[in-house]
Amino acid sequence: MNHAAVVLLTAGVLLGTQPGGRAQIVAPANARANSAAAPVIVPPPAAVQPGSPGQRISLGALDNLDKSFDRKLQAYNPNDPIDLLGTTRGMYLSGYGAVFTTELSPVITPGITPFQPTISDKRRKEVHERKAARIADLRNLIMAMMRDSAASLKAMPENEQVVVAVRFLYLPWEDTAGLPNLIVMKADRHRLLSGNGIQTEEQ
């Protein structure tokens, strides 16, 4: 399953000076070659001071959190596992925080095959009930992932956000009544470290 790529484009403004940083001498347009008029001195542009560098969050730190979340999802119930439809992907947005995304199905969903060309109403109901019963535990796993991230990303300012977005994918034959398509949880690092303040949005 392909994940949407998030690309950040930054533009820098370069202010150049004359070679060696010397001032440029410009003669007035109406001055004669033997004129004694003083030349106009144009000072070189002022040096641009570099801004403060943003917080640096290593790719290794994000990768470790990605893998940790995937392991916890896979280990949730080996006898009736969560179906991971892609690996978790984390990214750091300077000035905003850390964002993690993944796609899954709460349980492994039976599909249409030549040996099972239709899904019975009984099976459809059973799958729906199993998925609905698992959503609360998935919320708890997401919250644990956020707290792990807040504790691990020590270089990230406490006023920046940790966001985890989990997308749920379903097959066309499924009854999805009451099941979320997306759960997004977010909180700033300070609130996560103090154990409260997680905001949840479900679609």
Protein backbone atom coordinates (compact mmCIF):
# COMPACT_ATOMS: atom_id res chain seq x y z
CA MET A 1 0.00 0.00 0.00
CA ASN A 2 1.50 3.30 -1.11
CA HIS A 3 1.61 6.12 1.37
CA ALA A 4 1.07 9.65 0.45
CA ALA A 5 4.35 11.49 0.42
CA VAL A 6 4.64 14.78 2.31
CA VAL A 7 7.25 17.11 0.67
CA LEU A 8 8.42 20.32 2.31
CA LEU A 9 9.90 22.98 -0.02
CA THR A 10 12.02 25.75 1.48
CA ALA A 11 13.22 28.77 -0.45
CA GLY A 12 16.31 30.81 0.49
CA VAL A 13 17.06 34.36 -0.64
CA LEU A 14 20.67 34.89 -1.66
CA LEU A 15 22.10 38.41 -1.41
CA GLY A 16 25.33 38.70 -3.36
CA THR A 17 28.17 41.19 -3.13
CA GLN A 18 30.86 42.25 -5.54
CA PRO A 19 33.95 40.01 -5.63
CA GLY A 20 36.00 40.40 -2.48
CA GLY A 21 33.20 42.32 -0.80
CA ARG A 22 34.43 45.67 -2.31
CA ALA A 23 32.06 48.60 -2.81
CA GLN A 24 30.88 49.21 -6.37
CA ILE A 25 31.88 52.58 -7.92
CA VAL A 26 29.33 54.00 -10.36
CA ALA A 27 30.05 57.16 -12.35
CA PRO A 28 27.11 59.53 -12.94
CA ALA A 29 25.61 59.11 -16.42
CA ASN A 30 26.06 62.81 -17.32
CA ALA A 31 29.69 63.07 -16.18
CA ARG A 32 32.38 63.72 -18.83
CA ALA A 33 35.45 61.51 -18.89
CA ASN A 34 37.61 64.37 -17.55
CA SER A 35 34.99 65.52 -15.05
CA ALA A 36 36.18 66.13 -11.51
CA ALA A 37 32.79 65.16 -10.09
CA ALA A 38 33.08 62.69 -7.24
CA PRO A 39 31.86 59.20 -8.09
CA VAL A 40 28.78 57.82 -6.41
CA ILE A 41 29.71 55.16 -3.88
CA VAL A 42 27.22 52.32 -3.53
CA PRO A 43 27.97 50.28 -0.41
CA PRO A 44 27.87 46.51 -0.66
CA PRO A 45 24.73 44.80 0.64
CA ALA A 46 24.73 44.17 4.36
CA ALA A 47 25.63 40.66 5.33
CA VAL A 48 22.60 38.49 6.03
CA GLN A 49 22.79 36.86 9.42
CA PRO A 50 21.67 33.24 9.32
CA GLY A 51 18.55 32.47 11.30
CA SER A 52 18.52 30.12 14.22
CA PRO A 53 18.63 26.55 12.97
CA GLY A 54 15.50 24.48 13.60
CA GLN A 55 15.45 21.57 15.97
CA ARG A 56 17.13 18.54 14.49
CA ILE A 57 15.24 15.27 14.92
CA SER A 58 17.20 12.35 13.51
CA LEU A 59 15.65 9.99 10.99
CA GLY A 60 16.89 7.17 13.18
CA ALA A 61 14.79 8.38 16.10
CA LEU A 62 11.67 8.52 13.92
CA ASP A 63 12.43 5.13 12.39
CA ASN A 64 12.71 3.56 15.84
CA LEU A 65 9.31 4.94 16.81
CA ASP A 66 7.79 3.74 13.52
CA LYS A 67 9.01 0.20 14.11
CA SER A 68 7.99 0.23 17.76
CA PHE A 69 4.41 1.17 16.85
CA ASP A 70 4.26 -1.54 14.16
CA ARG A 71 5.55 -4.15 16.62
CA LYS A 72 2.90 -3.21 19.19
CA LEU A 73 0.14 -3.41 16.59
CA GLN A 74 1.39 -6.79 15.37
CA ALA A 75 1.70 -8.17 18.90
CA TYR A 76 -1.75 -7.02 19.99
CA ASN A 77 -3.48 -10.40 19.43
CA PRO A 78 -1.47 -13.03 17.52
CA ASN A 79 -4.52 -15.31 17.38
CA ASP A 80 -6.68 -12.63 15.74
CA PRO A 81 -4.17 -10.07 14.46
CA ILE A 82 -4.58 -6.51 13.32
CA ASP A 83 -4.02 -6.35 9.57
CA LEU A 84 -1.25 -3.80 8.90
CA LEU A 85 -1.63 -2.55 5.34
CA GLY A 86 1.62 -0.62 5.34
CA THR A 87 4.39 0.40 7.68
CA THR A 88 4.10 3.41 9.96
CA ARG A 89 5.77 6.52 8.52
CA GLY A 90 6.96 9.34 10.75
CA MET A 91 8.16 12.79 9.76
CA TYR A 92 9.26 15.89 11.64
CA LEU A 93 7.97 19.32 10.58
CA SER A 94 10.17 22.02 12.05
CA GLY A 95 8.10 24.47 14.07
CA TYR A 96 5.10 22.11 14.20
CA GLY A 97 6.16 18.71 15.49
CA ALA A 98 6.22 14.99 14.69
CA VAL A 99 3.54 13.35 12.54
CA PHE A 100 3.05 9.59 12.20
CA THR A 101 0.68 7.90 9.74
CA THR A 102 -0.34 4.32 9.10
CA GLU A 103 -3.09 2.28 7.42
CA LEU A 104 -4.70 -0.85 8.79
CA SER A 105 -7.76 -3.01 9.23
CA PRO A 106 -8.72 -3.86 12.82
CA VAL A 107 -8.83 -7.55 11.87
CA ILE A 108 -7.83 -9.58 8.82
CA THR A 109 -10.85 -9.35 6.52
CA PRO A 110 -11.95 -12.31 4.37
CA GLY A 111 -12.04 -11.49 0.70
CA ILE A 112 -13.97 -12.69 -2.33
CA THR A 113 -12.24 -15.67 -3.95
CA PRO A 114 -13.21 -18.42 -6.43
CA PHE A 115 -13.68 -20.66 -3.40
CA GLN A 116 -15.75 -18.02 -1.56
CA PRO A 117 -17.57 -15.99 -4.22
CA THR A 118 -19.98 -14.38 -1.74
CA ILE A 119 -19.96 -13.27 1.87
CA SER A 120 -22.94 -14.41 3.91
CA ASP A 121 -24.91 -11.99 6.06
CA LYS A 122 -23.82 -13.95 9.12
CA ARG A 123 -20.13 -13.56 8.19
CA ARG A 124 -20.58 -9.87 7.41
CA LYS A 125 -22.13 -9.28 10.84
CA GLU A 126 -19.40 -11.26 12.58
CA VAL A 127 -16.61 -9.26 10.91
CA HIS A 128 -18.32 -5.98 11.77
CA GLU A 129 -18.70 -6.93 15.44
CA ARG A 130 -15.05 -8.01 15.73
CA LYS A 131 -13.86 -4.73 14.24
CA ALA A 132 -16.16 -2.58 16.36
CA ALA A 133 -14.98 -4.34 19.53
CA ARG A 134 -11.36 -3.56 18.70
CA ILE A 135 -11.59 0.21 18.14
CA ALA A 136 -11.26 1.12 21.83
CA ASP A 137 -8.06 -0.91 22.14
CA LEU A 138 -6.69 0.74 19.00
CA ARG A 139 -7.29 4.16 20.56
CA ASN A 140 -5.26 3.04 23.57
CA LEU A 141 -2.42 1.83 21.31
CA ILE A 142 -2.38 5.20 19.54
CA MET A 143 -2.21 7.08 22.85
CA ALA A 144 0.67 4.86 23.99
CA MET A 145 2.48 5.62 20.73
CA MET A 146 2.09 9.35 21.36
CA ARG A 147 3.48 9.12 24.89
CA ASP A 148 6.42 7.02 23.68
CA SER A 149 7.13 9.68 21.05
CA ALA A 150 6.99 12.52 23.57
CA ALA A 151 9.43 10.71 25.86
CA SER A 152 11.82 9.69 23.06
CA LEU A 153 12.01 12.93 21.05
CA LYS A 154 13.93 14.87 23.68
CA ALA A 155 15.25 17.43 21.16
CA MET A 156 11.71 18.48 20.19
CA PRO A 157 10.38 21.59 21.98
CA GLU A 158 7.60 20.87 24.46
CA ASN A 159 5.20 23.26 22.72
CA GLU A 160 5.36 21.28 19.45
CA GLN A 161 2.83 18.62 18.54
CA VAL A 162 2.87 14.85 18.35
CA VAL A 163 0.23 13.67 15.86
CA VAL A 164 -0.74 10.08 15.03
CA ALA A 165 -3.17 9.48 12.15
CA VAL A 166 -4.54 5.98 11.53
CA ARG A 167 -6.57 5.32 8.41
CA PHE A 168 -8.91 2.32 8.34
CA LEU A 169 -9.50 0.50 5.07
CA TYR A 170 -12.53 -1.68 4.35
CA LEU A 171 -13.64 -4.01 1.57
CA PRO A 172 -16.68 -3.07 -0.55
CA TRP A 173 -18.92 -5.78 0.94
CA GLU A 174 -18.39 -4.73 4.56
CA ASP A 175 -20.90 -3.15 6.92
CA THR A 176 -19.01 -0.07 8.16
CA ALA A 177 -21.79 1.44 10.29
CA GLY A 178 -20.23 3.02 13.38
CA LEU A 179 -16.67 2.22 12.28
CA PRO A 180 -14.19 5.08 11.77
CA ASN A 181 -12.43 5.77 8.50
CA LEU A 182 -9.79 7.86 10.24
CA ILE A 183 -8.61 8.50 13.79
CA VAL A 184 -6.31 11.45 14.41
CA MET A 185 -4.89 12.13 17.85
CA LYS A 186 -2.67 15.08 18.73
CA ALA A 187 -1.22 16.87 21.72
CA ASP A 188 1.79 19.01 22.41
CA ARG A 189 4.78 17.29 23.94
CA HIS A 190 4.36 19.07 27.28
CA ARG A 191 0.84 17.74 27.76
CA LEU A 192 1.88 14.23 26.80
CA LEU A 193 4.72 14.25 29.29
CA SER A 194 2.33 15.41 32.01
CA GLY A 195 -0.20 12.71 31.07
CA ASN A 196 -3.17 14.67 29.74
CA GLY A 197 -4.57 16.83 26.97
CA ILE A 198 -4.86 14.46 23.99
CA GLN A 199 -7.29 15.71 21.33
CA THR A 200 -9.09 13.11 19.21
CA GLU A 201 -10.82 13.53 15.86
CA GLU A 202 -12.65 10.68 14.16
CA GLN A 203 -14.17 10.58 10.70
